[in-house]
């Protein structure tokens, strides 16, 4: 069946029987910061960010099952004269559903959300050495930044 992307509520995500498995697969594939190993998604924080209008979550469904999600952050950046920028806080599709186009369908929907919010484009964060890092250039994305992390010493 063809993947369908819909706006996703916090309840739909967190209450989905697939959510924990998706989060575990996402963490195993993309975690580059050991501080996140035991972390669980903060339901209240997501609710607050959505209520504040700075996050717009999407879900991708196949046969009515949640198979991936994307949270698009929409923020004005004072340094750039208040221009609106959009970036992905999370972008993930279960490996079993990538060949069916669920990932590209979800990414294109995230681009639409960014455009509708007045952003000139979408920043997508991709784990170093991951599948997304390899796929994005072929979809018209170019590298703009490198993000580094240093834990407490």
C-alpha atoms as a PDB file:
ATOM      1  CA  UNK A   1       0.000   0.000   0.000  1.00  0.00           C
ATOM      2  CA  UNK A   2       1.135   3.555  -0.723  1.00  0.00           C
ATOM      3  CA  UNK A   3       2.500   5.540   2.262  1.00  0.00           C
ATOM      4  CA  UNK A   4       0.305   8.399   3.500  1.00  0.00           C
ATOM      5  CA  UNK A   5       1.608  11.370   5.475  1.00  0.00           C
ATOM      6  CA  UNK A   6      -0.693  13.110   7.929  1.00  0.00           C
ATOM      7  CA  UNK A   7      -0.290  15.680  10.685  1.00  0.00           C
ATOM      8  CA  UNK A   8       0.474  13.731  13.842  1.00  0.00           C
ATOM      9  CA  UNK A   9      -0.792  14.520  17.311  1.00  0.00           C
ATOM     10  CA  UNK A  10       1.229  13.727  20.407  1.00  0.00           C
ATOM     11  CA  UNK A  11      -1.436  11.240  21.484  1.00  0.00           C
ATOM     12  CA  UNK A  12      -1.380   9.470  18.108  1.00  0.00           C
ATOM     13  CA  UNK A  13       2.404   9.141  18.269  1.00  0.00           C
ATOM     14  CA  UNK A  14       2.898   8.177  21.895  1.00  0.00           C
ATOM     15  CA  UNK A  15      -0.170   5.923  22.051  1.00  0.00           C
ATOM     16  CA  UNK A  16       0.634   4.061  18.843  1.00  0.00           C
ATOM     17  CA  UNK A  17       1.509   0.405  19.449  1.00  0.00           C
ATOM     18  CA  UNK A  18       4.429   0.942  17.029  1.00  0.00           C
ATOM     19  CA  UNK A  19       5.900   4.009  18.788  1.00  0.00           C
ATOM     20  CA  UNK A  20       8.299   2.305  21.210  1.00  0.00           C
ATOM     21  CA  UNK A  21       9.686   0.028  18.498  1.00  0.00           C
ATOM     22  CA  UNK A  22      10.133   2.985  16.147  1.00  0.00           C
ATOM     23  CA  UNK A  23      11.930   4.975  18.848  1.00  0.00           C
ATOM     24  CA  UNK A  24      14.207   2.039  19.621  1.00  0.00           C
ATOM     25  CA  UNK A  25      15.077   1.520  15.952  1.00  0.00           C
ATOM     26  CA  UNK A  26      15.633   5.260  15.507  1.00  0.00           C
ATOM     27  CA  UNK A  27      17.928   5.392  18.529  1.00  0.00           C
ATOM     28  CA  UNK A  28      19.926   2.324  17.410  1.00  0.00           C
ATOM     29  CA  UNK A  29      20.445   3.739  13.930  1.00  0.00           C
ATOM     30  CA  UNK A  30      21.024   7.399  14.604  1.00  0.00           C
ATOM     31  CA  UNK A  31      22.356   7.884  18.114  1.00  0.00           C
ATOM     32  CA  UNK A  32      25.765   9.529  18.041  1.00  0.00           C
ATOM     33  CA  UNK A  33      25.562  11.051  21.511  1.00  0.00           C
ATOM     34  CA  UNK A  34      25.760   8.554  24.379  1.00  0.00           C
ATOM     35  CA  UNK A  35      23.759  10.919  26.608  1.00  0.00           C
ATOM     36  CA  UNK A  36      20.650   9.844  24.692  1.00  0.00           C
ATOM     37  CA  UNK A  37      21.008   6.102  25.203  1.00  0.00           C
ATOM     38  CA  UNK A  38      18.510   5.803  28.014  1.00  0.00           C
ATOM     39  CA  UNK A  39      16.454   8.901  27.256  1.00  0.00           C
ATOM     40  CA  UNK A  40      12.772   8.567  26.430  1.00  0.00           C
ATOM     41  CA  UNK A  41      10.840  11.127  24.394  1.00  0.00           C
ATOM     42  CA  UNK A  42       9.370  13.914  26.533  1.00  0.00           C
ATOM     43  CA  UNK A  43       5.644  13.913  25.803  1.00  0.00           C
ATOM     44  CA  UNK A  44       4.937  17.167  27.657  1.00  0.00           C
ATOM     45  CA  UNK A  45       7.744  18.986  25.856  1.00  0.00           C
ATOM     46  CA  UNK A  46       6.330  17.955  22.489  1.00  0.00           C
ATOM     47  CA  UNK A  47       2.853  19.075  23.541  1.00  0.00           C
ATOM     48  CA  UNK A  48       4.227  22.450  24.673  1.00  0.00           C
ATOM     49  CA  UNK A  49       6.235  23.023  21.500  1.00  0.00           C
ATOM     50  CA  UNK A  50       3.234  22.214  19.326  1.00  0.00           C
ATOM     51  CA  UNK A  51       0.991  24.485  21.412  1.00  0.00           C
ATOM     52  CA  UNK A  52       3.558  27.282  21.057  1.00  0.00           C
ATOM     53  CA  UNK A  53       3.454  26.890  17.270  1.00  0.00           C
ATOM     54  CA  UNK A  54       7.132  26.068  16.879  1.00  0.00           C
ATOM     55  CA  UNK A  55       6.766  22.368  16.066  1.00  0.00           C
ATOM     56  CA  UNK A  56       4.671  20.603  13.478  1.00  0.00           C
ATOM     57  CA  UNK A  57       4.785  16.813  13.664  1.00  0.00           C
ATOM     58  CA  UNK A  58       3.993  14.468  10.802  1.00  0.00           C
ATOM     59  CA  UNK A  59       3.443  10.738  10.702  1.00  0.00           C
ATOM     60  CA  UNK A  60       3.809   8.397   7.763  1.00  0.00           C
ATOM     61  CA  UNK A  61       1.392   5.498   7.704  1.00  0.00           C
ATOM     62  CA  UNK A  62       1.220   2.278   5.698  1.00  0.00           C
ATOM     63  CA  UNK A  63      -1.972   0.254   6.039  1.00  0.00           C
ATOM     64  CA  UNK A  64      -2.989   2.548   8.932  1.00  0.00           C
ATOM     65  CA  UNK A  65       0.201   1.646  10.848  1.00  0.00           C
ATOM     66  CA  UNK A  66       2.614   4.371  11.947  1.00  0.00           C
ATOM     67  CA  UNK A  67       5.927   3.553  10.232  1.00  0.00           C
ATOM     68  CA  UNK A  68       7.779   6.837  10.676  1.00  0.00           C
ATOM     69  CA  UNK A  69       7.637  10.379  11.954  1.00  0.00           C
ATOM     70  CA  UNK A  70       9.065  13.812  11.456  1.00  0.00           C
ATOM     71  CA  UNK A  71       8.970  16.816  13.749  1.00  0.00           C
ATOM     72  CA  UNK A  72       9.541  20.095  11.910  1.00  0.00           C
ATOM     73  CA  UNK A  73      10.721  23.040  13.987  1.00  0.00           C
ATOM     74  CA  UNK A  74       9.603  26.451  12.743  1.00  0.00           C
ATOM     75  CA  UNK A  75      11.567  29.330  14.206  1.00  0.00           C
ATOM     76  CA  UNK A  76      12.218  32.979  13.447  1.00  0.00           C
ATOM     77  CA  UNK A  77      15.937  33.742  13.668  1.00  0.00           C
ATOM     78  CA  UNK A  78      16.656  37.282  14.908  1.00  0.00           C
ATOM     79  CA  UNK A  79      20.228  37.132  13.592  1.00  0.00           C
ATOM     80  CA  UNK A  80      18.807  36.866  10.082  1.00  0.00           C
ATOM     81  CA  UNK A  81      16.309  39.684  10.475  1.00  0.00           C
ATOM     82  CA  UNK A  82      13.565  37.459  11.830  1.00  0.00           C
ATOM     83  CA  UNK A  83      13.502  35.189   8.783  1.00  0.00           C
ATOM     84  CA  UNK A  84      11.680  31.967   9.419  1.00  0.00           C
ATOM     85  CA  UNK A  85      13.790  28.828   9.288  1.00  0.00           C
ATOM     86  CA  UNK A  86      12.598  25.245   9.378  1.00  0.00           C
ATOM     87  CA  UNK A  87      14.564  22.234  10.504  1.00  0.00           C
ATOM     88  CA  UNK A  88      13.904  18.647  11.388  1.00  0.00           C
ATOM     89  CA  UNK A  89      14.081  17.804  15.068  1.00  0.00           C
ATOM     90  CA  UNK A  90      13.383  14.187  14.143  1.00  0.00           C
ATOM     91  CA  UNK A  91      13.056  12.431  10.795  1.00  0.00           C
ATOM     92  CA  UNK A  92      12.811   8.658  10.790  1.00  0.00           C
ATOM     93  CA  UNK A  93      11.167   5.834   8.861  1.00  0.00           C
ATOM     94  CA  UNK A  94      11.468   2.181   9.853  1.00  0.00           C
ATOM     95  CA  UNK A  95      13.950   0.373   7.632  1.00  0.00           C
ATOM     96  CA  UNK A  96      11.282  -2.136   6.550  1.00  0.00           C
ATOM     97  CA  UNK A  97       9.286   0.660   4.878  1.00  0.00           C
ATOM     98  CA  UNK A  98      11.976   2.700   3.144  1.00  0.00           C
ATOM     99  CA  UNK A  99      11.940   0.804  -0.155  1.00  0.00           C
ATOM    100  CA  UNK A 100       8.248   1.661  -0.563  1.00  0.00           C
ATOM    101  CA  UNK A 101       8.938   5.400  -0.649  1.00  0.00           C
ATOM    102  CA  UNK A 102       7.735   6.247   2.848  1.00  0.00           C
ATOM    103  CA  UNK A 103      10.886   8.230   3.635  1.00  0.00           C
ATOM    104  CA  UNK A 104      10.793  10.421   0.543  1.00  0.00           C
ATOM    105  CA  UNK A 105       7.050  10.934   0.952  1.00  0.00           C
ATOM    106  CA  UNK A 106       7.614  12.053   4.553  1.00  0.00           C
ATOM    107  CA  UNK A 107      10.522  14.331   3.609  1.00  0.00           C
ATOM    108  CA  UNK A 108       8.504  16.021   0.849  1.00  0.00           C
ATOM    109  CA  UNK A 109       5.631  16.581   3.302  1.00  0.00           C
ATOM    110  CA  UNK A 110       8.095  18.168   5.750  1.00  0.00           C
ATOM    111  CA  UNK A 111       9.260  20.466   2.948  1.00  0.00           C
ATOM    112  CA  UNK A 112       5.641  21.460   2.357  1.00  0.00           C
ATOM    113  CA  UNK A 113       5.196  22.249   6.063  1.00  0.00           C
ATOM    114  CA  UNK A 114       8.313  24.445   5.959  1.00  0.00           C
ATOM    115  CA  UNK A 115       7.085  26.262   2.861  1.00  0.00           C
ATOM    116  CA  UNK A 116       3.597  26.812   4.315  1.00  0.00           C
ATOM    117  CA  UNK A 117       5.224  28.303   7.436  1.00  0.00           C
ATOM    118  CA  UNK A 118       7.081  30.851   5.321  1.00  0.00           C
ATOM    119  CA  UNK A 119      10.516  29.243   5.513  1.00  0.00           C
ATOM    120  CA  UNK A 120      12.721  29.465   2.451  1.00  0.00           C
ATOM    121  CA  UNK A 121      13.771  25.846   2.839  1.00  0.00           C
ATOM    122  CA  UNK A 122      14.285  22.973   5.230  1.00  0.00           C
ATOM    123  CA  UNK A 123      17.388  22.037   7.197  1.00  0.00           C
ATOM    124  CA  UNK A 124      17.612  18.282   7.704  1.00  0.00           C
ATOM    125  CA  UNK A 125      19.889  16.826  10.343  1.00  0.00           C
ATOM    126  CA  UNK A 126      21.427  13.506   9.368  1.00  0.00           C
ATOM    127  CA  UNK A 127      23.623  11.232  11.484  1.00  0.00           C
ATOM    128  CA  UNK A 128      27.222  11.066  10.273  1.00  0.00           C
ATOM    129  CA  UNK A 129      27.705   7.932   8.202  1.00  0.00           C
ATOM    130  CA  UNK A 130      24.000   7.106   8.210  1.00  0.00           C
ATOM    131  CA  UNK A 131      21.635   6.280   5.385  1.00  0.00           C
ATOM    132  CA  UNK A 132      20.007   9.718   5.437  1.00  0.00           C
ATOM    133  CA  UNK A 133      23.380  11.435   5.004  1.00  0.00           C
ATOM    134  CA  UNK A 134      23.954   9.386   1.842  1.00  0.00           C
ATOM    135  CA  UNK A 135      20.446   9.892   0.438  1.00  0.00           C
ATOM    136  CA  UNK A 136      19.935  13.644   0.917  1.00  0.00           C
ATOM    137  CA  UNK A 137      22.348  14.916  -1.787  1.00  0.00           C
ATOM    138  CA  UNK A 138      20.494  12.880  -4.409  1.00  0.00           C
ATOM    139  CA  UNK A 139      17.268  14.590  -3.315  1.00  0.00           C
ATOM    140  CA  UNK A 140      18.636  18.090  -3.915  1.00  0.00           C
ATOM    141  CA  UNK A 141      20.049  18.811  -0.437  1.00  0.00           C
ATOM    142  CA  UNK A 142      23.527  20.186   0.106  1.00  0.00           C
ATOM    143  CA  UNK A 143      25.628  20.206   3.235  1.00  0.00           C
ATOM    144  CA  UNK A 144      25.474  23.564   5.013  1.00  0.00           C
ATOM    145  CA  UNK A 145      26.794  22.914   8.532  1.00  0.00           C
ATOM    146  CA  UNK A 146      28.519  20.375  10.689  1.00  0.00           C
ATOM    147  CA  UNK A 147      27.345  19.939  14.244  1.00  0.00           C
ATOM    148  CA  UNK A 148      29.763  18.873  16.947  1.00  0.00           C
ATOM    149  CA  UNK A 149      29.137  17.642  20.454  1.00  0.00           C
ATOM    150  CA  UNK A 150      31.293  17.578  23.541  1.00  0.00           C
ATOM    151  CA  UNK A 151      29.956  15.898  26.640  1.00  0.00           C
ATOM    152  CA  UNK A 152      30.754  17.039  30.125  1.00  0.00           C
ATOM    153  CA  UNK A 153      34.248  16.101  31.118  1.00  0.00           C
END
